[in-house]
């Protein structure tokens, strides 16, 4: 099957994320997972966000759960010596991210939604989102590797694998791989509408995923692109079996969010990206002023049609009662 609507209803946490209309229930907190023990490394370009080893991450998310943040997105951070041209470590059973998934699902079960990033950029030695062949990103070779990563995450217990690479046909391929392996309850969050934005800089610093040459304009969408291409990407991924449709970035593409939300039947997510986060954090040190800005931004996402909000502000929004 391409479509399994039950996936979004599978656990209490998934139902609250996808179908509760409140901003609080729609929030997803991103995290960066590194190897080791006791690692809690601040990210200079993203104040308040850290790279953490699985043991520290478990404590952090336990505290987040008590705040009412039940949905979490995990990004692997790979050391340079472990990277290679096809991101082999990204699907390895030794990847710390997989241990983090297992620990979180063991402790929290159906009360947590664990989303995991499926891409090659954090684990390739060239920093691109796909396999380089003849000096270009080869779409179909890349999809093969993406399926391996997605299957490793599904086996570890991820609720949703988040395909962020923008390769053509990868949603269909991942869904087929899941069906063949019996992972009928694992969802696919597709970065369906992802622009080649200038707002990703702090993330690339955090994840050590800056391309060593060129850029990502051949696969991420052109910022000048009209609504037609956004709708094509979103509806194609929906037809291929995506359970959640993501639009990224969020703040500068609210018009796109509205147009996509009007035509798809699956939940729509927005990613309040690192540059947007750091921009607000740098604008003022006053907690009340920050809170008012974040509250205004989150309401704009909801008004535009977003069901789910992935934001580095989630923890502060909940702990400081900004909403």
Protein backbone atom coordinates (compact mmCIF):
# COMPACT_ATOMS: atom_id res chain seq x y z
CA UNK A 1 0.00 0.00 0.00
CA UNK A 2 1.12 3.57 -0.70
CA UNK A 3 -1.37 5.05 1.74
CA UNK A 4 -1.96 3.86 5.29
CA UNK A 5 -4.08 6.55 7.00
CA UNK A 6 -3.87 4.62 10.28
CA UNK A 7 -0.21 5.61 10.63
CA UNK A 8 -1.13 9.10 11.82
CA UNK A 9 -3.57 7.58 14.35
CA UNK A 10 -1.27 4.81 15.61
CA UNK A 11 -0.39 6.18 19.07
CA UNK A 12 -1.84 8.75 21.47
CA UNK A 13 1.09 11.09 20.83
CA UNK A 14 0.67 10.88 17.06
CA UNK A 15 -3.03 11.67 17.36
CA UNK A 16 -2.35 14.69 19.56
CA UNK A 17 0.30 15.97 17.14
CA UNK A 18 -1.75 15.55 13.98
CA UNK A 19 -5.28 16.31 15.11
CA UNK A 20 -5.18 18.61 18.15
CA UNK A 21 -5.59 22.18 16.91
CA UNK A 22 -3.72 23.89 19.77
CA UNK A 23 -0.29 25.41 19.16
CA UNK A 24 1.09 23.62 22.23
CA UNK A 25 0.22 20.16 20.89
CA UNK A 26 1.58 20.97 17.44
CA UNK A 27 5.13 21.80 18.56
CA UNK A 28 8.14 19.65 17.65
CA UNK A 29 11.53 20.28 19.31
CA UNK A 30 14.63 19.50 17.20
CA UNK A 31 17.77 17.92 18.71
CA UNK A 32 21.33 17.18 17.52
CA UNK A 33 22.74 13.77 18.51
CA UNK A 34 26.47 13.07 18.80
CA UNK A 35 28.58 10.09 19.90
CA UNK A 36 29.96 9.63 23.38
CA UNK A 37 28.70 9.96 26.94
CA UNK A 38 28.03 13.07 28.97
CA UNK A 39 28.32 15.34 25.93
CA UNK A 40 26.32 18.57 26.19
CA UNK A 41 27.95 21.02 23.76
CA UNK A 42 26.40 24.46 23.19
CA UNK A 43 26.04 25.56 19.55
CA UNK A 44 27.40 29.09 19.29
CA UNK A 45 25.29 30.07 16.28
CA UNK A 46 22.07 28.78 17.91
CA UNK A 47 21.89 30.05 21.52
CA UNK A 48 20.10 27.60 23.82
CA UNK A 49 20.54 24.60 21.47
CA UNK A 50 23.15 21.90 22.17
CA UNK A 51 24.73 18.86 20.58
CA UNK A 52 24.12 15.98 22.98
CA UNK A 53 25.10 12.34 23.39
CA UNK A 54 22.21 9.85 23.76
CA UNK A 55 22.43 9.69 27.57
CA UNK A 56 22.20 13.48 27.96
CA UNK A 57 19.55 13.71 25.25
CA UNK A 58 17.37 11.25 27.15
CA UNK A 59 17.47 13.52 30.21
CA UNK A 60 16.76 16.62 28.10
CA UNK A 61 13.76 15.06 26.40
CA UNK A 62 12.44 13.69 29.70
CA UNK A 63 12.37 17.29 30.95
CA UNK A 64 10.74 18.44 27.70
CA UNK A 65 8.05 15.78 28.08
CA UNK A 66 7.19 17.15 31.51
CA UNK A 67 6.74 20.57 29.89
CA UNK A 68 4.22 19.06 27.48
CA UNK A 69 6.50 18.74 24.43
CA UNK A 70 5.74 15.22 23.21
CA UNK A 71 7.16 15.40 19.66
CA UNK A 72 10.90 15.49 18.92
CA UNK A 73 13.01 15.53 15.76
CA UNK A 74 16.51 14.01 15.90
CA UNK A 75 19.43 14.93 13.65
CA UNK A 76 22.66 12.90 13.62
CA UNK A 77 25.98 14.73 13.84
CA UNK A 78 28.84 12.65 12.43
CA UNK A 79 32.57 13.08 13.02
CA UNK A 80 34.67 13.88 9.93
CA UNK A 81 36.67 10.63 10.08
CA UNK A 82 33.43 8.60 9.88
CA UNK A 83 32.17 10.26 6.72
CA UNK A 84 32.49 8.82 3.21
CA UNK A 85 31.05 9.54 -0.28
CA UNK A 86 27.83 7.54 0.26
CA UNK A 87 27.14 8.26 3.97
CA UNK A 88 27.65 4.64 5.02
CA UNK A 89 27.63 5.45 8.74
CA UNK A 90 24.12 6.95 8.43
CA UNK A 91 22.57 3.47 8.14
CA UNK A 92 25.00 1.70 10.47
CA UNK A 93 23.62 0.03 13.58
CA UNK A 94 26.42 1.76 15.51
CA UNK A 95 25.05 5.25 14.80
CA UNK A 96 24.36 7.01 18.14
CA UNK A 97 21.09 8.32 16.75
CA UNK A 98 19.72 4.77 16.62
CA UNK A 99 20.56 4.21 20.28
CA UNK A 100 18.76 7.45 21.11
CA UNK A 101 15.64 6.25 19.26
CA UNK A 102 15.65 2.92 21.08
CA UNK A 103 16.12 4.56 24.47
CA UNK A 104 13.36 7.11 23.90
CA UNK A 105 10.81 4.58 22.67
CA UNK A 106 11.71 2.20 25.49
CA UNK A 107 11.13 4.89 28.10
CA UNK A 108 8.15 6.75 26.63
CA UNK A 109 6.45 4.32 24.22
CA UNK A 110 3.33 5.72 22.60
CA UNK A 111 3.42 8.94 24.60
CA UNK A 112 6.27 10.34 22.46
CA UNK A 113 6.60 11.02 18.73
CA UNK A 114 10.16 10.42 17.56
CA UNK A 115 10.97 11.89 14.15
CA UNK A 116 14.37 11.27 12.55
CA UNK A 117 16.16 13.06 9.76
CA UNK A 118 16.81 10.94 6.65
CA UNK A 119 19.40 12.57 4.44
CA UNK A 120 23.00 12.00 3.38
CA UNK A 121 24.43 15.50 3.96
CA UNK A 122 25.45 15.01 7.60
CA UNK A 123 27.42 11.84 6.80
CA UNK A 124 28.94 12.43 3.34
CA UNK A 125 32.51 13.67 3.13
CA UNK A 126 31.40 16.20 0.50
CA UNK A 127 28.41 17.49 2.50
CA UNK A 128 25.83 17.04 -0.25
CA UNK A 129 22.41 15.44 0.12
CA UNK A 130 23.05 12.69 -2.41
CA UNK A 131 25.58 10.42 -4.06
CA UNK A 132 27.96 12.24 -6.40
CA UNK A 133 28.40 10.52 -9.78
CA UNK A 134 30.11 12.16 -12.76
CA UNK A 135 30.41 15.36 -10.70
CA UNK A 136 26.64 15.60 -10.20
CA UNK A 137 24.18 14.36 -7.59
CA UNK A 138 22.70 11.17 -8.97
CA UNK A 139 19.05 11.02 -7.95
CA UNK A 140 18.45 7.27 -8.21
CA UNK A 141 21.71 6.17 -6.58
CA UNK A 142 20.90 8.55 -3.74
CA UNK A 143 17.43 7.04 -3.25
CA UNK A 144 18.98 3.62 -2.70
CA UNK A 145 21.08 4.96 0.18
CA UNK A 146 18.15 6.93 1.60
CA UNK A 147 16.08 3.74 1.81
CA UNK A 148 18.87 2.07 3.79
CA UNK A 149 18.89 4.95 6.28
CA UNK A 150 15.10 5.00 6.57
CA UNK A 151 14.97 1.25 7.22
CA UNK A 152 17.62 1.53 9.96
CA UNK A 153 15.57 4.25 11.68
CA UNK A 154 12.34 2.27 11.34
CA UNK A 155 13.96 -0.81 12.83
CA UNK A 156 15.16 1.27 15.80
CA UNK A 157 11.58 2.40 16.42
CA UNK A 158 11.18 5.86 14.86
CA UNK A 159 7.59 7.03 14.53
CA UNK A 160 8.33 9.09 11.41
CA UNK A 161 11.35 9.19 9.14
CA UNK A 162 11.80 12.72 7.82
CA UNK A 163 12.98 12.66 4.21
CA UNK A 164 14.74 16.02 3.87
CA UNK A 165 16.87 15.38 0.79
CA UNK A 166 14.50 16.47 -2.01
CA UNK A 167 15.38 13.58 -4.34
CA UNK A 168 12.64 12.68 -6.81
CA UNK A 169 10.75 9.47 -6.00
CA UNK A 170 12.26 8.84 -2.59
CA UNK A 171 8.90 8.80 -0.76
CA UNK A 172 7.58 6.04 -3.01
CA UNK A 173 10.82 4.07 -2.63
CA UNK A 174 10.89 4.39 1.16
CA UNK A 175 7.23 3.40 1.42
CA UNK A 176 7.90 0.31 -0.73
CA UNK A 177 10.92 -0.58 1.40
CA UNK A 178 8.83 -0.27 4.57
CA UNK A 179 6.06 -2.44 3.12
CA UNK A 180 8.55 -5.12 2.09
CA UNK A 181 10.16 -5.12 5.55
CA UNK A 182 6.85 -5.12 7.43
CA UNK A 183 7.14 -1.59 8.88
CA UNK A 184 3.48 -0.81 8.27
CA UNK A 185 3.25 1.55 11.26
CA UNK A 186 6.26 3.77 10.45
CA UNK A 187 5.33 7.14 8.97
CA UNK A 188 7.06 9.29 6.38
CA UNK A 189 7.32 13.02 6.94
CA UNK A 190 8.36 14.40 3.58
CA UNK A 191 10.15 17.70 3.14
CA UNK A 192 8.02 18.12 0.06
CA UNK A 193 8.47 21.87 -0.42
CA UNK A 194 12.03 22.76 0.60
CA UNK A 195 13.64 25.86 -0.81
CA UNK A 196 17.33 26.54 -1.44
CA UNK A 197 17.17 29.12 1.32
CA UNK A 198 19.75 31.43 2.87
CA UNK A 199 18.24 30.76 6.32
CA UNK A 200 19.90 27.36 6.88
CA UNK A 201 23.37 28.56 7.88
CA UNK A 202 23.23 27.96 11.65
CA UNK A 203 21.86 24.43 11.11
CA UNK A 204 24.71 23.52 8.79
CA UNK A 205 27.10 24.70 11.47
CA UNK A 206 25.26 22.66 14.11
CA UNK A 207 25.12 19.48 12.02
CA UNK A 208 28.54 19.88 10.36
CA UNK A 209 26.82 19.55 6.98
CA UNK A 210 28.16 22.45 4.92
CA UNK A 211 28.82 21.38 1.29
CA UNK A 212 32.53 21.28 0.48
CA UNK A 213 31.80 22.63 -3.01
CA UNK A 214 28.86 24.09 -4.91
CA UNK A 215 25.38 24.41 -3.41
CA UNK A 216 22.04 22.58 -3.29
CA UNK A 217 20.20 24.48 -5.99
CA UNK A 218 19.87 21.46 -8.28
CA UNK A 219 17.51 19.64 -5.91
CA UNK A 220 16.12 22.16 -3.41
CA UNK A 221 13.51 24.49 -4.87
CA UNK A 222 14.35 27.87 -6.36
CA UNK A 223 13.22 30.72 -4.10
CA UNK A 224 11.62 32.36 -7.17
CA UNK A 225 9.47 29.31 -7.88
CA UNK A 226 5.72 29.86 -8.04
CA UNK A 227 2.88 28.02 -6.34
CA UNK A 228 2.54 25.51 -9.17
CA UNK A 229 5.82 23.78 -8.40
CA UNK A 230 5.12 23.74 -4.65
CA UNK A 231 1.72 22.13 -5.24
CA UNK A 232 3.26 19.63 -7.70
CA UNK A 233 5.90 18.58 -5.15
CA UNK A 234 3.39 18.31 -2.29
CA UNK A 235 0.69 16.41 -4.16
CA UNK A 236 3.25 14.07 -5.75
CA UNK A 237 4.67 13.15 -2.34
CA UNK A 238 1.17 12.71 -0.95
CA UNK A 239 0.34 10.31 -3.79
CA UNK A 240 3.61 8.41 -3.19
CA UNK A 241 2.66 7.78 0.42
CA UNK A 242 3.82 10.71 2.56
CA UNK A 243 1.98 10.87 5.87
CA UNK A 244 2.96 14.48 6.67
CA UNK A 245 3.85 17.23 4.17
CA UNK A 246 6.59 19.65 5.24
CA UNK A 247 7.24 23.19 3.97
CA UNK A 248 10.62 24.73 4.75
CA UNK A 249 11.46 27.51 5.62
CA UNK A 250 8.31 28.78 7.27
CA UNK A 251 8.34 32.53 7.94
CA UNK A 252 9.21 33.65 4.41
CA UNK A 253 6.87 31.15 2.71
CA UNK A 254 3.57 31.57 4.53
CA UNK A 255 1.81 32.13 1.22
CA UNK A 256 3.10 28.76 0.03
CA UNK A 257 1.92 27.12 3.25
CA UNK A 258 -1.59 28.44 2.63
CA UNK A 259 -1.68 27.30 -0.99
CA UNK A 260 -0.36 23.83 -0.20
CA UNK A 261 -2.63 23.37 2.82
CA UNK A 262 -5.63 24.12 0.62
CA UNK A 263 -4.91 21.20 -1.76
CA UNK A 264 -3.46 18.35 0.33
CA UNK A 265 -5.38 16.07 2.67
CA UNK A 266 -2.45 15.04 4.86
CA UNK A 267 -1.25 17.12 7.86
CA UNK A 268 0.96 20.07 6.92
CA UNK A 269 4.13 20.83 8.88
CA UNK A 270 6.32 23.91 8.77
CA UNK A 271 9.95 24.17 9.82
CA UNK A 272 10.80 27.37 11.68
CA UNK A 273 14.42 27.05 10.58
CA UNK A 274 17.72 27.85 12.28
CA UNK A 275 18.24 31.23 10.64
CA UNK A 276 14.76 32.34 11.63
CA UNK A 277 15.41 31.14 15.18
CA UNK A 278 18.80 32.85 15.48
CA UNK A 279 17.39 36.06 14.02
CA UNK A 280 14.87 36.35 16.86
CA UNK A 281 17.42 35.30 19.48
CA UNK A 282 19.83 38.00 18.27
CA UNK A 283 17.20 40.72 18.12
CA UNK A 284 16.75 41.12 21.87
CA UNK A 285 17.83 39.71 25.24
CA UNK A 286 14.51 40.65 26.80
CA UNK A 287 12.52 37.52 27.59
CA UNK A 288 9.13 39.20 27.32
CA UNK A 289 9.93 40.71 23.92
CA UNK A 290 11.19 37.38 22.60
CA UNK A 291 8.08 35.67 23.85
CA UNK A 292 5.78 38.11 22.10
CA UNK A 293 7.66 37.66 18.83
CA UNK A 294 7.58 33.86 19.01
CA UNK A 295 3.89 33.86 19.89
CA UNK A 296 3.16 36.10 16.90
CA UNK A 297 5.22 33.91 14.59
CA UNK A 298 3.54 30.70 15.75
CA UNK A 299 0.07 32.17 15.24
CA UNK A 300 1.07 33.19 11.71
CA UNK A 301 1.99 29.57 10.98
CA UNK A 302 -1.35 28.31 12.24
CA UNK A 303 -3.28 30.98 10.38
CA UNK A 304 -1.50 30.02 7.15
CA UNK A 305 -2.64 26.41 7.53
CA UNK A 306 0.11 24.58 9.42
CA UNK A 307 -0.95 21.65 11.59
CA UNK A 308 2.57 20.98 12.93
CA UNK A 309 5.33 23.44 13.88
CA UNK A 310 8.95 22.29 14.08
CA UNK A 311 10.80 25.00 16.00
CA UNK A 312 13.89 25.47 18.14
CA UNK A 313 11.73 27.88 20.17
CA UNK A 314 9.42 25.06 21.33
CA UNK A 315 11.13 24.48 24.68
CA UNK A 316 11.27 28.15 25.63
CA UNK A 317 7.72 28.69 24.45
CA UNK A 318 6.46 26.00 26.80
CA UNK A 319 8.77 26.56 29.77
CA UNK A 320 8.36 30.36 29.79
CA UNK A 321 4.60 30.38 29.08
CA UNK A 322 5.03 32.42 25.92
CA UNK A 323 1.84 30.97 24.44
